[in-house]
Amino acid sequence: MENIVSYISIDPEIRFGKPCIKGTRIAITDILQWMASGMSYKEIIRDYPNLQEVHIRAALSFAANRESFIKIVATHENFALAGC
């Protein structure tokens, strides 16, 4: 995929610094929640015509990359919360 940084901005003055699609106030979390609720690319673009498919792919890529940096330290509490 193209460089996702060219599509994502983080500005403390926009949406409290949440990562957003550049030039919009649409946060990455908005796109993820829409997709999680079952919306397709086409439905999102129909409802938010300033978005393009590349923006949605950039949001997914950003979230996947961010997730790869999360590190959970295994503790007894983590396992208890997980029901293990």
N, C-alpha and C. Protein backbone atom coordinates (compact mmCIF):
# COMPACT_ATOMS: atom_id res chain seq x y z
N MET A 1 0.85 -1.19 0.00
CA MET A 1 0.00 0.00 0.00
C MET A 1 0.88 1.23 0.00
N GLU A 2 0.34 2.28 -0.56
CA GLU A 2 1.05 3.55 -0.57
C GLU A 2 1.34 3.99 0.86
N ASN A 3 2.14 4.99 1.01
CA ASN A 3 2.51 5.50 2.33
C ASN A 3 1.26 6.02 3.05
N ILE A 4 0.83 5.32 4.10
CA ILE A 4 -0.40 5.71 4.80
C ILE A 4 -0.28 7.05 5.50
N VAL A 5 0.95 7.45 5.80
CA VAL A 5 1.15 8.73 6.48
C VAL A 5 0.61 9.88 5.63
N SER A 6 0.61 9.71 4.33
CA SER A 6 0.11 10.78 3.47
C SER A 6 -1.41 10.96 3.58
N TYR A 7 -2.10 10.00 4.19
CA TYR A 7 -3.56 10.08 4.33
C TYR A 7 -4.03 10.32 5.76
N ILE A 8 -3.13 10.20 6.73
CA ILE A 8 -3.50 10.28 8.15
C ILE A 8 -2.84 11.51 8.77
N SER A 9 -3.58 12.20 9.62
CA SER A 9 -3.00 13.32 10.37
C SER A 9 -3.39 13.19 11.84
N ILE A 10 -2.52 13.70 12.67
CA ILE A 10 -2.80 13.77 14.11
C ILE A 10 -2.56 15.20 14.52
N ASP A 11 -3.64 15.86 14.88
CA ASP A 11 -3.58 17.28 15.23
C ASP A 11 -4.35 17.47 16.54
N PRO A 12 -3.69 17.97 17.58
CA PRO A 12 -4.38 18.13 18.86
C PRO A 12 -5.60 19.04 18.79
N GLU A 13 -5.70 19.85 17.75
CA GLU A 13 -6.84 20.76 17.58
C GLU A 13 -8.02 20.10 16.87
N ILE A 14 -7.82 18.89 16.35
CA ILE A 14 -8.89 18.19 15.63
C ILE A 14 -9.19 16.88 16.35
N ARG A 15 -10.43 16.72 16.78
CA ARG A 15 -10.89 15.50 17.45
C ARG A 15 -9.99 15.09 18.61
N PHE A 16 -9.51 16.09 19.35
CA PHE A 16 -8.69 15.86 20.55
C PHE A 16 -7.42 15.07 20.25
N GLY A 17 -6.90 15.22 19.02
CA GLY A 17 -5.65 14.57 18.66
C GLY A 17 -5.79 13.14 18.19
N LYS A 18 -7.02 12.68 17.99
CA LYS A 18 -7.21 11.33 17.45
C LYS A 18 -6.70 11.30 16.00
N PRO A 19 -6.10 10.19 15.58
CA PRO A 19 -5.69 10.08 14.17
C PRO A 19 -6.93 10.19 13.27
N CYS A 20 -6.83 11.06 12.26
CA CYS A 20 -7.94 11.30 11.33
C CYS A 20 -7.45 11.22 9.89
N ILE A 21 -8.40 11.08 8.98
CA ILE A 21 -8.09 11.19 7.57
C ILE A 21 -7.81 12.66 7.29
N LYS A 22 -6.66 12.93 6.66
CA LYS A 22 -6.26 14.31 6.40
C LYS A 22 -7.37 15.08 5.68
N GLY A 23 -7.55 16.33 6.09
CA GLY A 23 -8.53 17.20 5.48
C GLY A 23 -9.95 16.94 5.93
N THR A 24 -10.13 16.03 6.88
CA THR A 24 -11.47 15.73 7.39
C THR A 24 -11.41 15.69 8.91
N ARG A 25 -12.54 15.53 9.52
CA ARG A 25 -12.61 15.30 10.96
C ARG A 25 -13.03 13.85 11.21
N ILE A 26 -12.83 13.00 10.21
CA ILE A 26 -13.19 11.59 10.32
C ILE A 26 -12.02 10.84 10.94
N ALA A 27 -12.25 10.32 12.14
CA ALA A 27 -11.21 9.61 12.87
C ALA A 27 -11.09 8.17 12.38
N ILE A 28 -9.90 7.63 12.54
CA ILE A 28 -9.66 6.24 12.20
C ILE A 28 -10.64 5.34 12.96
N THR A 29 -10.88 5.66 14.22
CA THR A 29 -11.82 4.85 15.01
C THR A 29 -13.23 4.89 14.44
N ASP A 30 -13.63 6.01 13.83
CA ASP A 30 -14.94 6.08 13.19
C ASP A 30 -15.04 5.03 12.09
N ILE A 31 -14.03 5.01 11.24
CA ILE A 31 -14.03 4.06 10.11
C ILE A 31 -14.04 2.63 10.62
N LEU A 32 -13.22 2.35 11.63
CA LEU A 32 -13.17 0.99 12.18
C LEU A 32 -14.52 0.59 12.77
N GLN A 33 -15.17 1.50 13.47
CA GLN A 33 -16.47 1.20 14.06
C GLN A 33 -17.53 0.97 12.99
N TRP A 34 -17.49 1.78 11.93
CA TRP A 34 -18.46 1.58 10.84
C TRP A 34 -18.27 0.20 10.21
N MET A 35 -17.02 -0.17 9.99
CA MET A 35 -16.76 -1.48 9.38
C MET A 35 -17.14 -2.61 10.34
N ALA A 36 -16.86 -2.42 11.62
CA ALA A 36 -17.22 -3.43 12.61
C ALA A 36 -18.74 -3.62 12.70
N SER A 37 -19.48 -2.55 12.41
CA SER A 37 -20.94 -2.65 12.44
C SER A 37 -21.50 -3.29 11.17
N GLY A 38 -20.61 -3.57 10.21
CA GLY A 38 -21.05 -4.25 8.99
C GLY A 38 -21.12 -3.39 7.76
N MET A 39 -20.77 -2.12 7.86
CA MET A 39 -20.80 -1.26 6.67
C MET A 39 -19.70 -1.68 5.71
N SER A 40 -20.01 -1.62 4.43
CA SER A 40 -19.02 -1.93 3.39
C SER A 40 -18.29 -0.65 2.99
N TYR A 41 -17.21 -0.81 2.24
CA TYR A 41 -16.50 0.35 1.71
C TYR A 41 -17.48 1.26 0.97
N LYS A 42 -18.30 0.66 0.11
CA LYS A 42 -19.23 1.44 -0.72
C LYS A 42 -20.22 2.22 0.14
N GLU A 43 -20.73 1.59 1.20
CA GLU A 43 -21.69 2.27 2.07
C GLU A 43 -21.04 3.45 2.79
N ILE A 44 -19.81 3.26 3.26
CA ILE A 44 -19.10 4.34 3.95
C ILE A 44 -18.87 5.50 3.00
N ILE A 45 -18.41 5.19 1.79
CA ILE A 45 -18.14 6.24 0.80
C ILE A 45 -19.43 6.93 0.38
N ARG A 46 -20.52 6.18 0.29
CA ARG A 46 -21.81 6.80 -0.05
C ARG A 46 -22.23 7.79 1.04
N ASP A 47 -22.05 7.38 2.31
CA ASP A 47 -22.46 8.24 3.42
C ASP A 47 -21.48 9.38 3.68
N TYR A 48 -20.22 9.18 3.31
CA TYR A 48 -19.16 10.19 3.53
C TYR A 48 -18.41 10.37 2.23
N PRO A 49 -18.99 11.10 1.28
CA PRO A 49 -18.42 11.19 -0.07
C PRO A 49 -17.04 11.83 -0.16
N ASN A 50 -16.59 12.48 0.91
CA ASN A 50 -15.24 13.04 0.87
C ASN A 50 -14.18 11.96 1.14
N LEU A 51 -14.62 10.75 1.48
CA LEU A 51 -13.70 9.63 1.65
C LEU A 51 -13.57 8.86 0.34
N GLN A 52 -12.40 8.26 0.17
CA GLN A 52 -12.15 7.37 -0.96
C GLN A 52 -11.74 6.01 -0.40
N GLU A 53 -11.78 5.00 -1.25
CA GLU A 53 -11.41 3.66 -0.80
C GLU A 53 -9.99 3.64 -0.22
N VAL A 54 -9.09 4.41 -0.80
CA VAL A 54 -7.71 4.45 -0.31
C VAL A 54 -7.65 4.97 1.13
N HIS A 55 -8.55 5.86 1.50
CA HIS A 55 -8.60 6.37 2.87
C HIS A 55 -9.00 5.26 3.84
N ILE A 56 -9.96 4.44 3.44
CA ILE A 56 -10.41 3.34 4.29
C ILE A 56 -9.29 2.32 4.45
N ARG A 57 -8.61 2.01 3.35
CA ARG A 57 -7.48 1.07 3.44
C ARG A 57 -6.38 1.65 4.31
N ALA A 58 -6.14 2.96 4.22
CA ALA A 58 -5.13 3.60 5.06
C ALA A 58 -5.51 3.49 6.53
N ALA A 59 -6.80 3.66 6.83
CA ALA A 59 -7.26 3.55 8.22
C ALA A 59 -7.05 2.13 8.75
N LEU A 60 -7.37 1.14 7.93
CA LEU A 60 -7.17 -0.25 8.34
C LEU A 60 -5.69 -0.56 8.53
N SER A 61 -4.87 -0.07 7.63
CA SER A 61 -3.43 -0.29 7.73
C SER A 61 -2.86 0.39 8.96
N PHE A 62 -3.30 1.62 9.23
CA PHE A 62 -2.85 2.35 10.40
C PHE A 62 -3.19 1.58 11.67
N ALA A 63 -4.43 1.10 11.74
CA ALA A 63 -4.87 0.35 12.93
C ALA A 63 -4.09 -0.95 13.09
N ALA A 64 -3.84 -1.63 11.99
CA ALA A 64 -3.09 -2.89 12.05
C ALA A 64 -1.66 -2.63 12.50
N ASN A 65 -1.05 -1.59 11.97
CA ASN A 65 0.32 -1.25 12.37
C ASN A 65 0.37 -0.85 13.83
N ARG A 66 -0.58 -0.07 14.26
CA ARG A 66 -0.62 0.37 15.65
C ARG A 66 -0.80 -0.81 16.59
N GLU A 67 -1.65 -1.74 16.19
CA GLU A 67 -1.91 -2.92 17.01
C GLU A 67 -0.64 -3.76 17.18
N SER A 68 0.20 -3.78 16.17
CA SER A 68 1.42 -4.59 16.26
C SER A 68 2.41 -4.04 17.28
N PHE A 69 2.22 -2.79 17.69
CA PHE A 69 3.12 -2.18 18.68
C PHE A 69 2.64 -2.37 20.11
N ILE A 70 1.41 -2.84 20.28
CA ILE A 70 0.88 -3.04 21.62
C ILE A 70 1.51 -4.30 22.22
N LYS A 71 2.01 -4.15 23.40
CA LYS A 71 2.64 -5.28 24.07
C LYS A 71 1.93 -5.49 25.39
N ILE A 72 1.47 -6.70 25.60
CA ILE A 72 0.82 -7.03 26.85
C ILE A 72 1.80 -7.87 27.66
N VAL A 73 2.04 -7.43 28.85
CA VAL A 73 2.91 -8.17 29.75
C VAL A 73 2.04 -9.19 30.48
N ALA A 74 2.43 -10.44 30.36
CA ALA A 74 1.66 -11.50 30.99
C ALA A 74 1.79 -11.41 32.50
N THR A 75 0.65 -11.27 33.16
CA THR A 75 0.60 -11.26 34.62
C THR A 75 -0.55 -12.14 35.05
N HIS A 76 -0.57 -12.45 36.28
CA HIS A 76 -1.67 -13.25 36.83
C HIS A 76 -3.01 -12.53 36.59
N GLU A 77 -3.02 -11.20 36.74
CA GLU A 77 -4.25 -10.43 36.57
C GLU A 77 -4.76 -10.51 35.13
N ASN A 78 -3.83 -10.47 34.13
CA ASN A 78 -4.24 -10.59 32.73
C ASN A 78 -4.95 -11.91 32.48
N PHE A 79 -4.39 -13.00 33.01
CA PHE A 79 -4.99 -14.30 32.81
C PHE A 79 -6.33 -14.42 33.53
N ALA A 80 -6.44 -13.84 34.70
CA ALA A 80 -7.71 -13.88 35.45
C ALA A 80 -8.79 -13.11 34.69
N LEU A 81 -8.44 -11.97 34.12
CA LEU A 81 -9.40 -11.19 33.35
C LEU A 81 -9.84 -11.91 32.10
N ALA A 82 -8.93 -12.69 31.51
CA ALA A 82 -9.24 -13.42 30.30
C ALA A 82 -10.01 -14.71 30.58
N GLY A 83 -10.17 -15.03 31.86
CA GLY A 83 -10.90 -16.25 32.22
C GLY A 83 -10.06 -17.51 32.15
N CYS A 84 -8.75 -17.35 32.19
CA CYS A 84 -7.85 -18.51 32.12
C CYS A 84 -7.56 -19.06 33.49
